[in-house]
Amino acid sequence: MKVLKLGEPELEFGTNSHIDIRFGIMNYCPLDFESDNAAKTIRVGIVGSACSIEGIRDWIEKCRHEIPAKDSRQSNLFPRFPGFNPDLAFHSELTTDSSLERQLSSSKINSVVKIPVLDELRIEAVRSIVEEVNFLLEKKPPDVIICAIPQEYVEVLDPDTGKKDLDDETLVSKTIQKSKINFHHLLKARCMSLPRACPIQIVLPSTYDSSKRRRSNSLKRQVQPIQDEATRAWNLHTALYYKAGGIPWRLKYDPSKLQTCFVGIGFFHSLDKENISTSVAQVFNERGSGLVVRGGPAMISKEDRQVHLDADSAYALMLDALKQYQNEHHTIPARVVIHKSSSHSSAEIDGFQKAAEEYRVHSCELLSLRKSLTRLFRNSEYPPLRGTFLTLNNDIHILYTRGSVEFYSTYPGMYMPRTLRINCDKVDQTPRYLSEEILALTKMNWNNTQFDNGVPITLRAARQVGDILKYINHTDSFQPHYSFYM
């Protein structure tokens, strides 16, 4: 058994690199700020009730200027938000006007919230918002549409959210599991299916007004925690910048390394849970340009009880991924790294390898990643440092992607962190090299500017895509860019 501490990966910004996303943007601007294609002016449409539209509009105006840092001893964990305007940080601005706003009528909202069946209520709530989004798109599509969810909808759509943070879209999407219909996923799916669709950003009232925090039904009406205002501003504006076509940061580029395409593969069940799971792939390069590929049927193996593709489906999936990559970047990567949520069977290895050889890819490496209960402990200390790397044997390794962070001078989580188990199913590089890449990919989440995310963007994106694609018929077209799913 061998334990190492991997260094915190640096990210590349406009004029320099830094390990932290917020300090990188504040000091060195977004990666593309000097490009003619940078998102200098972002036209934002807003759909919501009279109150939610006014609330988000006022908050956007407030965020043009500095939001003070949270009063804390961990100043690097809670930095100030410098303001979103052409002269600072992002060097961009949001523009809104009344022609880009669509208001849900109070009568419509009242009729929806009275629907007694939860699934029907969620479907009607989505339909009411999609109608207004479609109206905006038919005129002159904005760059991004903010769906400012009315407080009346929040109260009835998710009656029991436990201790989840309502400002985190990814967490909100996971809270509605008791019903067949997920409001968040259905709204994303319906909006991306519209003609002339643009990415949407779902915003809850507590994002711009902390007094609108909901109380949990199951925890004796306990007020649910939310992030500080500066962090909320960072997360929302970074997501809007990316969805408008901007590139906030990328993995630090090293010209001595092979050009690499990272592919994440996950699986999901159909809504009726009767059909065989279908695979989903997400393609990333060093810039983080995400492309979505929909795979074929998968099956649960009787031998290991894990989900696998057959050789033909694995071959077809890899061919499609490489074809999408070539169409987007006009070249073929020299190296492909696959992160999969289940182990790679021999049939999958044969299928992926065959496709890679057909496209003359120099190296194809296959890793399976999953959460692990294997943990280390430090006497009288916070949990082990993020980046702690434990080798169990030649093929199995443990990585702390969450843990104490030296830059933050604390452990920023609430519970004992879980580790990531890395199985090297077929690799050319060393496990340490591959783990350093995984640690860097945990920082490529444009919904969260705190960099200590638990899973790499490859697997996170594959899961998000699968959650939404289950609401789109297999024969229907879908959006190929990741900005529509995040």
Protein backbone atom coordinates (compact mmCIF):
# COMPACT_ATOMS: atom_id res chain seq x y z
CA MET A 1 0.00 0.00 0.00
CA LYS A 2 1.37 3.41 -1.02
CA VAL A 3 0.06 6.91 -0.19
CA LEU A 4 0.92 10.08 -2.15
CA LYS A 5 -0.33 13.66 -2.11
CA LEU A 6 -1.07 14.98 -5.60
CA GLY A 7 -0.68 18.69 -6.19
CA GLU A 8 -3.70 20.92 -6.80
CA PRO A 9 -4.01 21.24 -10.61
CA GLU A 10 -3.79 24.71 -12.14
CA LEU A 11 -6.35 26.07 -14.57
CA GLU A 12 -5.65 28.39 -17.46
CA PHE A 13 -7.33 31.81 -17.62
CA GLY A 14 -6.95 34.80 -19.94
CA THR A 15 -3.49 36.02 -18.97
CA ASN A 16 -2.18 33.46 -16.48
CA SER A 17 -3.00 30.31 -14.53
CA HIS A 18 -4.24 29.74 -10.98
CA ILE A 19 -5.51 26.84 -8.89
CA ASP A 20 -8.70 28.69 -7.89
CA ILE A 21 -11.52 29.57 -10.29
CA ARG A 22 -12.71 32.77 -8.63
CA PHE A 23 -9.27 34.25 -8.04
CA GLY A 24 -8.26 33.19 -11.55
CA ILE A 25 -11.13 35.10 -13.17
CA MET A 26 -10.71 38.10 -10.86
CA ASN A 27 -6.98 38.43 -11.53
CA TYR A 28 -6.54 37.03 -15.03
CA CYS A 29 -9.94 37.33 -16.79
CA PRO A 30 -11.81 34.51 -18.58
CA LEU A 31 -9.81 32.39 -20.99
CA ASP A 32 -11.34 33.94 -24.12
CA PHE A 33 -11.67 37.58 -23.05
CA GLU A 34 -9.40 38.81 -25.89
CA SER A 35 -11.17 36.69 -28.51
CA ASP A 36 -13.56 38.25 -31.01
CA ASN A 37 -15.98 35.45 -30.14
CA ALA A 38 -15.97 36.17 -26.40
CA ALA A 39 -19.35 36.73 -24.76
CA LYS A 40 -18.87 40.48 -24.29
CA THR A 41 -22.58 41.27 -24.27
CA ILE A 42 -25.05 38.60 -23.18
CA ARG A 43 -28.70 39.12 -24.07
CA VAL A 44 -30.73 37.53 -21.29
CA GLY A 45 -34.40 36.67 -21.60
CA ILE A 46 -36.46 36.16 -18.42
CA VAL A 47 -39.61 34.09 -17.90
CA GLY A 48 -41.39 34.13 -14.55
CA SER A 49 -44.06 35.75 -12.44
CA ALA A 50 -44.19 39.52 -11.93
CA CYS A 51 -42.37 39.11 -8.60
CA SER A 52 -39.71 36.67 -9.79
CA ILE A 53 -38.94 38.70 -12.91
CA GLU A 54 -38.57 41.86 -10.84
CA GLY A 55 -36.48 40.00 -8.28
CA ILE A 56 -33.97 38.54 -10.75
CA ARG A 57 -33.82 41.78 -12.74
CA ASP A 58 -32.96 43.79 -9.60
CA TRP A 59 -30.36 41.24 -8.52
CA ILE A 60 -28.67 41.26 -11.95
CA GLU A 61 -28.46 45.04 -11.65
CA LYS A 62 -27.00 44.74 -8.14
CA CYS A 63 -24.41 42.22 -9.35
CA ARG A 64 -23.02 44.68 -11.88
CA HIS A 65 -21.15 46.00 -8.86
CA GLU A 66 -19.19 44.32 -6.10
CA ILE A 67 -20.85 41.92 -3.68
CA PRO A 68 -18.79 41.95 -0.44
CA ALA A 69 -17.11 38.80 0.80
CA LYS A 70 -18.72 36.78 3.57
CA ASP A 71 -17.35 37.62 7.00
CA SER A 72 -15.20 34.53 7.62
CA ARG A 73 -11.73 33.47 8.69
CA GLN A 74 -11.51 31.50 5.42
CA SER A 75 -11.19 34.46 3.05
CA ASN A 76 -10.14 32.24 0.12
CA LEU A 77 -13.26 30.12 0.55
CA PHE A 78 -15.66 33.08 0.54
CA PRO A 79 -14.12 35.79 -1.69
CA ARG A 80 -15.96 38.89 -2.85
CA PHE A 81 -17.75 38.97 -6.20
CA PRO A 82 -16.09 41.81 -8.15
CA GLY A 83 -19.10 42.70 -10.28
CA PHE A 84 -20.23 41.65 -13.74
CA ASN A 85 -19.47 44.57 -16.06
CA PRO A 86 -17.19 45.34 -19.06
CA ASP A 87 -14.42 46.81 -16.89
CA LEU A 88 -13.80 43.97 -14.42
CA ALA A 89 -13.17 40.22 -14.11
CA PHE A 90 -15.42 38.70 -16.83
CA HIS A 91 -15.24 41.88 -18.99
CA SER A 92 -18.80 41.18 -20.05
CA GLU A 93 -22.27 42.47 -19.29
CA LEU A 94 -25.83 41.17 -19.17
CA THR A 95 -28.48 43.08 -21.06
CA THR A 96 -32.19 42.78 -20.42
CA ASP A 97 -35.21 44.76 -21.51
CA SER A 98 -38.96 44.39 -21.43
CA SER A 99 -39.05 42.84 -24.93
CA LEU A 100 -37.02 39.91 -23.55
CA GLU A 101 -39.39 39.23 -20.64
CA ARG A 102 -42.46 37.01 -20.54
CA GLN A 103 -44.68 37.05 -17.48
CA LEU A 104 -46.75 34.13 -16.22
CA SER A 105 -50.18 35.44 -15.29
CA SER A 106 -51.34 35.11 -11.68
CA SER A 107 -54.45 33.28 -12.85
CA LYS A 108 -52.31 30.72 -14.67
CA ILE A 109 -50.08 30.22 -11.64
CA ASN A 110 -53.08 29.83 -9.34
CA SER A 111 -54.68 27.26 -11.63
CA VAL A 112 -51.48 25.21 -11.76
CA VAL A 113 -50.79 25.14 -8.01
CA LYS A 114 -54.32 23.86 -7.33
CA ILE A 115 -53.77 20.66 -9.32
CA PRO A 116 -53.98 17.87 -6.71
CA VAL A 117 -51.86 15.21 -8.41
CA LEU A 118 -48.15 16.03 -8.10
CA ASP A 119 -47.06 14.61 -11.46
CA GLU A 120 -49.82 16.46 -13.29
CA LEU A 121 -48.94 19.63 -11.41
CA ARG A 122 -45.31 19.40 -12.50
CA ILE A 123 -46.24 18.75 -16.12
CA GLU A 124 -48.57 21.76 -16.17
CA ALA A 125 -46.00 23.97 -14.44
CA VAL A 126 -43.44 23.02 -17.10
CA ARG A 127 -45.97 23.59 -19.87
CA SER A 128 -46.80 27.08 -18.58
CA ILE A 129 -43.10 28.09 -18.60
CA VAL A 130 -42.29 26.45 -21.95
CA GLU A 131 -45.11 28.37 -23.65
CA GLU A 132 -43.50 31.65 -22.64
CA VAL A 133 -39.98 30.47 -23.52
CA ASN A 134 -41.25 29.50 -26.97
CA PHE A 135 -42.74 32.98 -27.44
CA LEU A 136 -39.35 34.57 -26.73
CA LEU A 137 -37.59 32.21 -29.14
CA GLU A 138 -40.05 32.95 -31.95
CA LYS A 139 -39.21 36.67 -31.84
CA LYS A 140 -35.45 37.06 -31.59
CA PRO A 141 -33.80 34.38 -29.44
CA PRO A 142 -31.66 35.76 -26.61
CA ASP A 143 -28.32 34.16 -25.75
CA VAL A 144 -29.69 32.61 -22.54
CA ILE A 145 -33.15 32.48 -20.96
CA ILE A 146 -33.48 32.64 -17.19
CA CYS A 147 -36.49 30.70 -15.94
CA ALA A 148 -37.21 32.60 -12.73
CA ILE A 149 -39.38 30.04 -10.95
CA PRO A 150 -42.26 31.73 -9.06
CA GLN A 151 -42.27 31.21 -5.29
CA GLU A 152 -45.76 29.72 -5.61
CA TYR A 153 -44.36 26.94 -7.80
CA VAL A 154 -41.42 26.30 -5.45
CA GLU A 155 -43.77 25.72 -2.53
CA VAL A 156 -45.79 23.02 -4.28
CA LEU A 157 -43.35 21.42 -6.71
CA ASP A 158 -41.00 20.05 -4.08
CA PRO A 159 -42.82 19.60 -0.79
CA ASP A 160 -39.94 17.91 1.01
CA THR A 161 -36.39 18.78 -0.01
CA GLY A 162 -34.65 17.64 3.17
CA LYS A 163 -31.39 19.53 3.80
CA LYS A 164 -30.60 20.25 0.16
CA ASP A 165 -29.30 23.61 -1.01
CA LEU A 166 -31.95 25.12 -3.24
CA ASP A 167 -29.42 27.32 -5.03
CA ASP A 168 -27.55 24.39 -6.50
CA GLU A 169 -29.30 23.31 -9.68
CA THR A 170 -27.69 19.93 -9.57
CA LEU A 171 -28.93 19.30 -6.05
CA VAL A 172 -32.42 20.54 -6.82
CA SER A 173 -32.54 18.12 -9.70
CA LYS A 174 -31.84 15.25 -7.35
CA THR A 175 -34.41 16.09 -4.72
CA ILE A 176 -37.55 15.18 -6.62
CA GLN A 177 -37.18 11.43 -6.65
CA LYS A 178 -40.45 10.29 -5.09
CA SER A 179 -42.42 11.23 -8.16
CA LYS A 180 -42.12 9.84 -11.65
CA ILE A 181 -41.81 13.31 -13.15
CA ASN A 182 -38.81 15.50 -12.35
CA PHE A 183 -39.64 19.19 -12.88
CA HIS A 184 -36.03 20.26 -13.50
CA HIS A 185 -35.24 17.56 -16.07
CA LEU A 186 -38.59 17.84 -17.86
CA LEU A 187 -38.25 21.64 -18.20
CA LYS A 188 -34.74 21.32 -19.66
CA ALA A 189 -35.90 18.60 -22.09
CA ARG A 190 -38.95 20.52 -23.30
CA CYS A 191 -37.06 23.79 -23.77
CA MET A 192 -34.23 22.25 -25.79
CA SER A 193 -36.77 20.62 -28.11
CA LEU A 194 -38.20 23.99 -29.20
CA PRO A 195 -37.29 25.53 -32.58
CA ARG A 196 -34.40 28.01 -32.33
CA ALA A 197 -33.73 26.82 -28.77
CA CYS A 198 -31.11 28.47 -26.58
CA PRO A 199 -29.75 27.29 -23.19
CA ILE A 200 -31.85 28.04 -20.11
CA GLN A 201 -30.84 28.78 -16.54
CA ILE A 202 -33.28 27.81 -13.80
CA VAL A 203 -33.19 30.28 -10.88
CA LEU A 204 -35.09 29.90 -7.60
CA PRO A 205 -36.24 32.92 -5.55
CA SER A 206 -33.76 32.17 -2.74
CA THR A 207 -30.91 32.88 -5.19
CA TYR A 208 -31.69 36.60 -5.26
CA ASP A 209 -33.60 36.91 -1.97
CA SER A 210 -32.33 34.93 1.02
CA SER A 211 -35.61 35.55 2.87
CA LYS A 212 -37.28 33.22 0.34
CA ARG A 213 -35.51 30.17 1.74
CA ARG A 214 -37.90 27.28 2.08
CA ARG A 215 -38.44 25.35 5.29
CA SER A 216 -38.15 21.60 5.35
CA ASN A 217 -41.34 19.71 6.14
CA SER A 218 -39.46 16.75 7.55
CA LEU A 219 -37.04 18.64 9.79
CA LYS A 220 -39.49 20.52 11.98
CA ARG A 221 -39.65 23.47 9.63
CA GLN A 222 -35.92 23.98 9.73
CA VAL A 223 -34.76 26.77 7.42
CA GLN A 224 -32.62 25.29 4.69
CA PRO A 225 -29.08 26.67 4.32
CA ILE A 226 -28.01 28.59 1.24
CA GLN A 227 -24.68 29.86 0.02
CA ASP A 228 -23.49 33.38 0.80
CA GLU A 229 -24.53 36.07 -1.68
CA ALA A 230 -21.12 36.52 -3.32
CA THR A 231 -20.83 32.77 -3.99
CA ARG A 232 -24.33 32.72 -5.47
CA ALA A 233 -23.35 35.59 -7.76
CA TRP A 234 -20.17 33.78 -8.83
CA ASN A 235 -22.00 30.55 -9.66
CA LEU A 236 -24.88 32.15 -11.58
CA HIS A 237 -22.77 34.53 -13.66
CA THR A 238 -20.18 31.88 -14.51
CA ALA A 239 -22.94 29.56 -15.72
CA LEU A 240 -24.52 32.35 -17.80
CA TYR A 241 -21.15 33.24 -19.34
CA TYR A 242 -20.54 29.63 -20.38
CA LYS A 243 -24.07 29.10 -21.67
CA ALA A 244 -23.74 32.26 -23.79
CA GLY A 245 -20.76 30.69 -25.56
CA GLY A 246 -17.93 32.04 -23.41
CA ILE A 247 -15.01 29.92 -22.20
CA PRO A 248 -14.28 30.85 -18.56
CA TRP A 249 -11.23 28.58 -18.12
CA ARG A 250 -9.69 25.33 -19.33
CA LEU A 251 -7.29 22.66 -18.19
CA LYS A 252 -3.73 23.96 -18.29
CA TYR A 253 -2.41 23.25 -21.77
CA ASP A 254 0.84 21.32 -22.10
CA PRO A 255 2.06 21.14 -25.75
CA SER A 256 4.34 18.22 -24.88
CA LYS A 257 1.36 15.97 -24.13
CA LEU A 258 -0.86 14.16 -26.60
CA GLN A 259 -4.06 15.95 -27.58
CA THR A 260 -6.66 14.14 -25.51
CA CYS A 261 -10.40 13.62 -25.77
CA PHE A 262 -12.10 12.67 -22.49
CA VAL A 263 -15.30 10.64 -22.77
CA GLY A 264 -17.72 10.02 -19.91
CA ILE A 265 -20.17 7.13 -20.15
CA GLY A 266 -23.16 6.64 -17.86
CA PHE A 267 -26.44 4.78 -17.99
CA PHE A 268 -30.04 5.59 -17.24
CA HIS A 269 -33.37 3.83 -17.04
CA SER A 270 -36.35 4.75 -19.15
CA LEU A 271 -39.20 6.49 -17.32
CA ASP A 272 -41.22 3.30 -17.00
CA LYS A 273 -38.09 1.51 -15.73
CA GLU A 274 -39.04 -1.48 -17.90
CA ASN A 275 -36.74 -0.87 -20.83
CA ILE A 276 -33.09 -1.74 -20.79
CA SER A 277 -30.83 1.13 -19.77
CA THR A 278 -29.35 3.22 -22.51
CA SER A 279 -25.82 4.52 -22.53
CA VAL A 280 -24.83 8.16 -22.82
CA ALA A 281 -21.46 9.62 -23.67
CA GLN A 282 -20.09 13.09 -23.23
CA VAL A 283 -17.03 14.24 -25.11
CA PHE A 284 -14.59 16.81 -23.72
CA ASN A 285 -11.26 18.19 -24.79
CA GLU A 286 -8.85 20.31 -22.70
CA ARG A 287 -11.03 23.42 -23.27
CA GLY A 288 -13.98 21.64 -21.82
CA SER A 289 -16.06 21.84 -24.99
CA GLY A 290 -18.82 19.38 -24.20
CA LEU A 291 -20.61 17.39 -26.87
CA VAL A 292 -23.40 14.93 -26.26
CA VAL A 293 -23.62 11.53 -27.90
CA ARG A 294 -26.57 9.21 -27.36
CA GLY A 295 -25.63 5.55 -27.25
CA GLY A 296 -27.55 2.36 -27.84
CA PRO A 297 -29.13 -0.15 -25.47
CA ALA A 298 -27.20 -1.55 -22.53
CA MET A 299 -27.84 -4.51 -20.28
CA ILE A 300 -27.18 -5.70 -16.76
CA SER A 301 -24.71 -8.56 -16.71
CA LYS A 302 -25.69 -11.71 -14.84
CA GLU A 303 -22.06 -12.23 -13.88
CA ASP A 304 -21.14 -8.99 -12.10
CA ARG A 305 -24.58 -7.26 -11.91
CA GLN A 306 -23.17 -4.20 -13.59
CA VAL A 307 -24.41 -2.40 -16.71
CA HIS A 308 -22.47 -3.16 -19.90
CA LEU A 309 -22.60 -2.62 -23.65
CA ASP A 310 -22.05 -5.40 -26.12
CA ALA A 311 -19.07 -5.14 -28.46
CA ASP A 312 -21.08 -3.76 -31.39
CA SER A 313 -22.73 -1.04 -29.24
CA ALA A 314 -19.37 -0.04 -27.73
CA TYR A 315 -17.86 0.15 -31.22
CA ALA A 316 -20.76 2.27 -32.53
CA LEU A 317 -20.65 4.57 -29.51
CA MET A 318 -16.93 5.25 -29.86
CA LEU A 319 -17.26 5.82 -33.61
CA ASP A 320 -20.02 8.35 -32.99
CA ALA A 321 -18.00 10.11 -30.28
CA LEU A 322 -14.93 10.42 -32.51
CA LYS A 323 -17.05 11.59 -35.42
CA GLN A 324 -18.62 14.32 -33.27
CA TYR A 325 -15.17 15.34 -32.02
CA GLN A 326 -13.84 15.58 -35.59
CA ASN A 327 -16.83 17.64 -36.74
CA GLU A 328 -16.37 20.09 -33.86
CA HIS A 329 -12.57 20.41 -33.81
CA HIS A 330 -11.66 19.46 -37.41
CA THR A 331 -9.10 16.97 -36.17
CA ILE A 332 -8.81 13.58 -34.47
CA PRO A 333 -7.39 13.35 -30.94
CA ALA A 334 -4.14 11.47 -30.48
CA ARG A 335 -5.46 9.96 -27.24
CA VAL A 336 -8.88 8.98 -25.88
CA VAL A 337 -9.58 8.45 -22.18
CA ILE A 338 -12.89 6.85 -21.22
CA HIS A 339 -14.36 7.28 -17.73
CA LYS A 340 -17.17 4.82 -17.18
CA SER A 341 -19.39 4.32 -14.14
CA SER A 342 -19.17 0.52 -14.33
CA SER A 343 -16.20 -1.71 -15.06
CA HIS A 344 -15.24 -2.42 -18.66
CA SER A 345 -16.11 -5.91 -19.88
CA SER A 346 -13.90 -7.68 -22.42
CA ALA A 347 -16.56 -7.02 -25.10
CA GLU A 348 -16.54 -3.29 -24.34
CA ILE A 349 -12.75 -3.15 -24.45
CA ASP A 350 -12.78 -4.91 -27.84
CA GLY A 351 -15.45 -2.56 -29.22
CA PHE A 352 -13.82 0.68 -28.02
CA GLN A 353 -10.38 -0.47 -29.15
CA LYS A 354 -11.63 -1.45 -32.61
CA ALA A 355 -13.17 2.00 -33.18
CA ALA A 356 -10.07 3.80 -31.91
CA GLU A 357 -7.85 1.79 -34.26
CA GLU A 358 -10.17 2.52 -37.17
CA TYR A 359 -9.72 6.25 -36.54
CA ARG A 360 -5.98 5.73 -35.98
CA VAL A 361 -6.08 7.04 -32.43
CA HIS A 362 -2.63 6.50 -30.90
CA SER A 363 -3.80 5.60 -27.39
CA CYS A 364 -7.15 4.51 -25.91
CA GLU A 365 -7.30 4.22 -22.11
CA LEU A 366 -10.26 2.82 -20.16
CA LEU A 367 -10.98 3.56 -16.49
CA SER A 368 -14.00 2.79 -14.32
CA LEU A 369 -14.78 5.25 -11.52
CA ARG A 370 -17.14 4.95 -8.58
CA LYS A 371 -17.59 6.28 -5.07
CA SER A 372 -15.79 4.26 -2.42
CA LEU A 373 -16.17 3.77 1.32
CA THR A 374 -12.41 3.25 1.76
CA ARG A 375 -11.13 6.14 3.92
CA LEU A 376 -8.03 7.34 5.66
CA PHE A 377 -7.94 9.23 8.96
CA ARG A 378 -5.67 11.90 10.39
CA ASN A 379 -5.31 12.04 14.17
CA SER A 380 -6.90 15.19 15.63
CA GLU A 381 -7.07 16.74 12.19
CA TYR A 382 -9.68 17.53 9.58
CA PRO A 383 -10.19 14.80 6.91
CA PRO A 384 -7.26 13.93 4.62
CA LEU A 385 -6.22 16.50 2.06
CA ARG A 386 -7.88 16.62 -1.34
CA GLY A 387 -5.45 14.96 -3.73
CA THR A 388 -4.46 12.19 -1.33
CA PHE A 389 -3.81 9.14 -3.51
CA LEU A 390 -3.77 5.60 -2.19
CA THR A 391 -2.63 2.58 -4.23
CA LEU A 392 -4.28 -0.69 -3.19
CA ASN A 393 -2.77 -2.82 -5.97
CA ASN A 394 -1.62 -2.39 -9.57
CA ASP A 395 -5.16 -1.89 -10.89
CA ILE A 396 -7.14 -0.35 -8.02
CA HIS A 397 -6.50 3.08 -6.52
CA ILE A 398 -8.28 5.49 -4.18
CA LEU A 399 -8.33 9.28 -4.69
CA TYR A 400 -9.58 12.02 -2.37
CA THR A 401 -11.31 14.43 -4.74
CA ARG A 402 -13.02 15.98 -1.71
CA GLY A 403 -11.22 16.60 1.56
CA SER A 404 -9.35 19.31 3.41
CA VAL A 405 -8.10 22.03 1.07
CA GLU A 406 -4.91 23.92 1.92
CA PHE A 407 -5.92 26.94 -0.19
CA TYR A 408 -9.16 27.25 1.82
CA SER A 409 -7.40 26.48 5.16
CA THR A 410 -10.23 24.12 6.10
CA TYR A 411 -12.37 21.19 5.07
CA PRO A 412 -15.27 22.88 3.24
CA GLY A 413 -17.72 19.98 3.46
CA MET A 414 -20.29 19.03 6.09
CA TYR A 415 -19.81 15.28 6.31
CA MET A 416 -16.97 12.77 6.20
CA PRO A 417 -15.82 12.86 2.55
CA ARG A 418 -16.07 9.76 0.41
CA THR A 419 -13.25 8.76 -1.88
CA LEU A 420 -13.22 7.90 -5.55
CA ARG A 421 -12.22 4.36 -6.51
CA ILE A 422 -10.27 4.18 -9.76
CA ASN A 423 -10.00 0.89 -11.63
CA CYS A 424 -7.44 0.87 -14.45
CA ASP A 425 -9.15 -1.51 -16.89
CA LYS A 426 -6.82 -0.79 -19.81
CA VAL A 427 -4.22 1.97 -19.55
CA ASP A 428 -0.94 3.14 -21.07
CA GLN A 429 -0.12 5.94 -18.62
CA THR A 430 0.71 5.47 -14.96
CA PRO A 431 -2.11 5.47 -12.36
CA ARG A 432 -0.66 8.65 -10.83
CA TYR A 433 -0.73 10.46 -14.20
CA LEU A 434 -4.33 9.35 -14.80
CA SER A 435 -5.37 10.37 -11.29
CA GLU A 436 -3.88 13.84 -11.76
CA GLU A 437 -6.07 14.19 -14.86
CA ILE A 438 -9.15 13.10 -12.88
CA LEU A 439 -8.38 15.64 -10.16
CA ALA A 440 -8.12 18.39 -12.79
CA LEU A 441 -11.40 17.33 -14.42
CA THR A 442 -13.23 17.77 -11.10
CA LYS A 443 -12.58 21.53 -11.57
CA MET A 444 -14.41 21.72 -14.93
CA ASN A 445 -17.90 22.24 -13.53
CA TRP A 446 -19.31 25.59 -14.71
CA ASN A 447 -22.19 25.42 -12.24
CA ASN A 448 -19.88 25.61 -9.22
CA THR A 449 -16.90 27.94 -8.78
CA GLN A 450 -15.73 26.20 -5.60
CA PHE A 451 -13.22 23.83 -7.17
CA ASP A 452 -13.35 20.78 -4.85
CA ASN A 453 -16.04 18.86 -6.72
CA GLY A 454 -16.33 15.15 -5.99
CA VAL A 455 -16.53 13.58 -9.44
CA PRO A 456 -14.86 14.58 -12.73
CA ILE A 457 -16.96 16.49 -15.26
CA THR A 458 -16.92 13.46 -17.55
CA LEU A 459 -19.11 11.37 -15.27
CA ARG A 460 -21.08 14.33 -13.87
CA ALA A 461 -22.05 15.44 -17.37
CA ALA A 462 -22.94 11.94 -18.50
CA ARG A 463 -25.35 11.62 -15.57
CA GLN A 464 -26.90 15.04 -16.19
CA VAL A 465 -27.38 14.24 -19.88
CA GLY A 466 -28.97 10.88 -19.06
CA ASP A 467 -31.35 12.49 -16.55
CA ILE A 468 -32.70 14.78 -19.28
CA LEU A 469 -32.55 12.47 -22.29
CA LYS A 470 -34.96 10.07 -20.62
CA TYR A 471 -37.65 12.71 -21.26
CA ILE A 472 -36.86 12.78 -25.00
CA ASN A 473 -37.98 9.99 -27.31
CA HIS A 474 -35.12 8.00 -28.75
CA THR A 475 -36.12 8.91 -32.30
CA ASP A 476 -36.39 12.65 -31.57
CA SER A 477 -33.52 15.05 -32.18
CA PHE A 478 -31.62 16.46 -29.22
CA GLN A 479 -29.16 19.27 -28.59
CA PRO A 480 -25.53 18.18 -29.05
CA HIS A 481 -23.92 20.79 -26.77
CA TYR A 482 -23.54 20.32 -23.04
CA SER A 483 -24.65 23.89 -22.21
CA PHE A 484 -28.26 22.78 -22.76
CA TYR A 485 -28.01 20.11 -20.04
CA MET A 486 -26.13 21.80 -17.20
